[in-house]
Amino acid sequence: ATAHYNIAMEGMLKPYVGAGLGINFFSTTAEATYTIPGYGTQTISATGSATRLGINLLAGINYKLSDMLTLVVEPRYVIASDLNNFQIKAGITYAMK
């Protein structure tokens, strides 16, 4: 859940800031293959995952492409315990009339 505050400006660009809470799922897999002469090839793998409640801090820009389409670009910093991360999200919204 995230709340946005839209900054009132004239023109095609509409900036906003926001904050909220989120559930963050992290997972990773690592794999290594090696060969020992006389014994063959071996593969080792390891996986890990974590789930953290996080605080989202964001700022973004909406750029109106047409009456129906808007381009959205949103840098976001997620504070999630020991797994903090930075994201850049982008997308297009379509206004249904």
C-alpha atoms as a PDB file:
ATOM      1  CA  ALA A   1       0.000   0.000   0.000  1.00  0.00           C
ATOM      2  CA  THR A   2       1.473   3.311  -1.091  1.00  0.00           C
ATOM      3  CA  ALA A   3       0.161   6.871  -0.797  1.00  0.00           C
ATOM      4  CA  HIS A   4       1.090   9.447  -3.459  1.00  0.00           C
ATOM      5  CA  TYR A   5       1.065  13.231  -3.151  1.00  0.00           C
ATOM      6  CA  ASN A   6       0.684  14.827  -6.566  1.00  0.00           C
ATOM      7  CA  ILE A   7       2.539  18.135  -6.928  1.00  0.00           C
ATOM      8  CA  ALA A   8       0.347  20.647  -8.772  1.00  0.00           C
ATOM      9  CA  MET A   9       2.086  21.896 -11.922  1.00  0.00           C
ATOM     10  CA  GLU A  10       0.977  23.128 -15.313  1.00  0.00           C
ATOM     11  CA  GLY A  11       2.087  21.285 -18.423  1.00  0.00           C
ATOM     12  CA  MET A  12       2.707  17.725 -19.545  1.00  0.00           C
ATOM     13  CA  LEU A  13       4.869  16.663 -16.546  1.00  0.00           C
ATOM     14  CA  LYS A  14       3.164  15.859 -13.235  1.00  0.00           C
ATOM     15  CA  PRO A  15       5.626  14.985 -10.419  1.00  0.00           C
ATOM     16  CA  TYR A  16       4.650  13.169  -7.238  1.00  0.00           C
ATOM     17  CA  VAL A  17       6.202  11.828  -4.033  1.00  0.00           C
ATOM     18  CA  GLY A  18       5.011   8.966  -1.898  1.00  0.00           C
ATOM     19  CA  ALA A  19       5.593   6.467   0.859  1.00  0.00           C
ATOM     20  CA  GLY A  20       4.080   3.191   1.960  1.00  0.00           C
ATOM     21  CA  LEU A  21       4.469  -0.330   3.264  1.00  0.00           C
ATOM     22  CA  GLY A  22       5.174  -3.427   1.230  1.00  0.00           C
ATOM     23  CA  ILE A  23       5.967  -7.102   1.528  1.00  0.00           C
ATOM     24  CA  ASN A  24       9.243  -7.857  -0.242  1.00  0.00           C
ATOM     25  CA  PHE A  25      10.133 -11.338  -1.497  1.00  0.00           C
ATOM     26  CA  PHE A  26      13.805 -11.962  -2.292  1.00  0.00           C
ATOM     27  CA  SER A  27      15.347 -15.094  -3.776  1.00  0.00           C
ATOM     28  CA  THR A  28      18.668 -16.042  -5.308  1.00  0.00           C
ATOM     29  CA  THR A  29      20.358 -19.096  -6.786  1.00  0.00           C
ATOM     30  CA  ALA A  30      24.073 -19.681  -7.259  1.00  0.00           C
ATOM     31  CA  GLU A  31      25.639 -22.545  -9.168  1.00  0.00           C
ATOM     32  CA  ALA A  32      29.249 -23.604  -9.780  1.00  0.00           C
ATOM     33  CA  THR A  33      30.582 -26.364 -12.006  1.00  0.00           C
ATOM     34  CA  TYR A  34      34.095 -27.742 -11.695  1.00  0.00           C
ATOM     35  CA  THR A  35      36.101 -30.634 -13.066  1.00  0.00           C
ATOM     36  CA  ILE A  36      38.469 -32.839 -11.071  1.00  0.00           C
ATOM     37  CA  PRO A  37      40.766 -34.877 -13.316  1.00  0.00           C
ATOM     38  CA  GLY A  38      40.042 -38.554 -12.874  1.00  0.00           C
ATOM     39  CA  TYR A  39      36.742 -37.903 -11.011  1.00  0.00           C
ATOM     40  CA  GLY A  40      34.661 -36.023 -13.580  1.00  0.00           C
ATOM     41  CA  THR A  41      32.589 -32.868 -13.499  1.00  0.00           C
ATOM     42  CA  GLN A  42      30.651 -31.809 -10.416  1.00  0.00           C
ATOM     43  CA  THR A  43      28.032 -29.107  -9.972  1.00  0.00           C
ATOM     44  CA  ILE A  44      27.196 -27.414  -6.685  1.00  0.00           C
ATOM     45  CA  SER A  45      24.180 -25.153  -6.239  1.00  0.00           C
ATOM     46  CA  ALA A  46      22.675 -23.157  -3.425  1.00  0.00           C
ATOM     47  CA  THR A  47      19.451 -21.203  -3.119  1.00  0.00           C
ATOM     48  CA  GLY A  48      18.187 -18.734  -0.593  1.00  0.00           C
ATOM     49  CA  SER A  49      15.066 -16.698  -0.049  1.00  0.00           C
ATOM     50  CA  ALA A  50      13.690 -14.162   2.402  1.00  0.00           C
ATOM     51  CA  THR A  51      10.508 -12.217   3.018  1.00  0.00           C
ATOM     52  CA  ARG A  52      10.653  -8.782   4.660  1.00  0.00           C
ATOM     53  CA  LEU A  53       8.173  -6.065   5.515  1.00  0.00           C
ATOM     54  CA  GLY A  54       9.515  -2.862   3.991  1.00  0.00           C
ATOM     55  CA  ILE A  55       9.014   0.878   3.861  1.00  0.00           C
ATOM     56  CA  ASN A  56       8.809   2.313   0.344  1.00  0.00           C
ATOM     57  CA  LEU A  57      10.040   5.862  -0.326  1.00  0.00           C
ATOM     58  CA  LEU A  58       9.403   7.090  -3.844  1.00  0.00           C
ATOM     59  CA  ALA A  59       9.237  10.000  -6.240  1.00  0.00           C
ATOM     60  CA  GLY A  60       7.966   9.907  -9.764  1.00  0.00           C
ATOM     61  CA  ILE A  61       6.866  11.723 -12.875  1.00  0.00           C
ATOM     62  CA  ASN A  62       3.776  11.238 -14.985  1.00  0.00           C
ATOM     63  CA  TYR A  63       4.212  12.417 -18.586  1.00  0.00           C
ATOM     64  CA  LYS A  64       1.001  12.723 -20.547  1.00  0.00           C
ATOM     65  CA  LEU A  65       1.486  11.184 -23.996  1.00  0.00           C
ATOM     66  CA  SER A  66      -2.144  11.667 -25.094  1.00  0.00           C
ATOM     67  CA  ASP A  67      -5.618  12.012 -23.578  1.00  0.00           C
ATOM     68  CA  MET A  68      -5.592   8.270 -22.878  1.00  0.00           C
ATOM     69  CA  LEU A  69      -1.898   7.365 -22.314  1.00  0.00           C
ATOM     70  CA  THR A  70       0.545   8.470 -19.602  1.00  0.00           C
ATOM     71  CA  LEU A  71       4.188   7.440 -19.218  1.00  0.00           C
ATOM     72  CA  VAL A  72       5.198   6.816 -15.579  1.00  0.00           C
ATOM     73  CA  VAL A  73       8.806   6.753 -14.280  1.00  0.00           C
ATOM     74  CA  GLU A  74       9.296   6.053 -10.563  1.00  0.00           C
ATOM     75  CA  PRO A  75      12.588   5.728  -8.663  1.00  0.00           C
ATOM     76  CA  ARG A  76      11.927   3.939  -5.361  1.00  0.00           C
ATOM     77  CA  TYR A  77      14.045   3.113  -2.305  1.00  0.00           C
ATOM     78  CA  VAL A  78      12.884   0.162  -0.210  1.00  0.00           C
ATOM     79  CA  ILE A  79      13.998  -0.146   3.406  1.00  0.00           C
ATOM     80  CA  ALA A  80      13.573  -3.840   4.208  1.00  0.00           C
ATOM     81  CA  SER A  81      15.737  -4.716   7.212  1.00  0.00           C
ATOM     82  CA  ASP A  82      19.076  -6.062   5.939  1.00  0.00           C
ATOM     83  CA  LEU A  83      17.851  -6.229   2.311  1.00  0.00           C
ATOM     84  CA  ASN A  84      17.459  -2.542   1.412  1.00  0.00           C
ATOM     85  CA  ASN A  85      17.284  -1.916  -2.330  1.00  0.00           C
ATOM     86  CA  PHE A  86      16.847   0.756  -5.007  1.00  0.00           C
ATOM     87  CA  GLN A  87      14.436   0.283  -7.912  1.00  0.00           C
ATOM     88  CA  ILE A  88      13.455   2.245 -10.997  1.00  0.00           C
ATOM     89  CA  LYS A  89       9.990   1.426 -12.252  1.00  0.00           C
ATOM     90  CA  ALA A  90       8.529   2.522 -15.571  1.00  0.00           C
ATOM     91  CA  GLY A  91       5.234   1.911 -17.277  1.00  0.00           C
ATOM     92  CA  ILE A  92       2.341   3.266 -19.259  1.00  0.00           C
ATOM     93  CA  THR A  93      -1.134   3.862 -17.856  1.00  0.00           C
ATOM     94  CA  TYR A  94      -4.262   3.824 -20.008  1.00  0.00           C
ATOM     95  CA  ALA A  95      -7.253   5.945 -18.977  1.00  0.00           C
ATOM     96  CA  MET A  96     -10.508   4.087 -19.542  1.00  0.00           C
ATOM     97  CA  LYS A  97     -13.326   6.499 -20.369  1.00  0.00           C
END
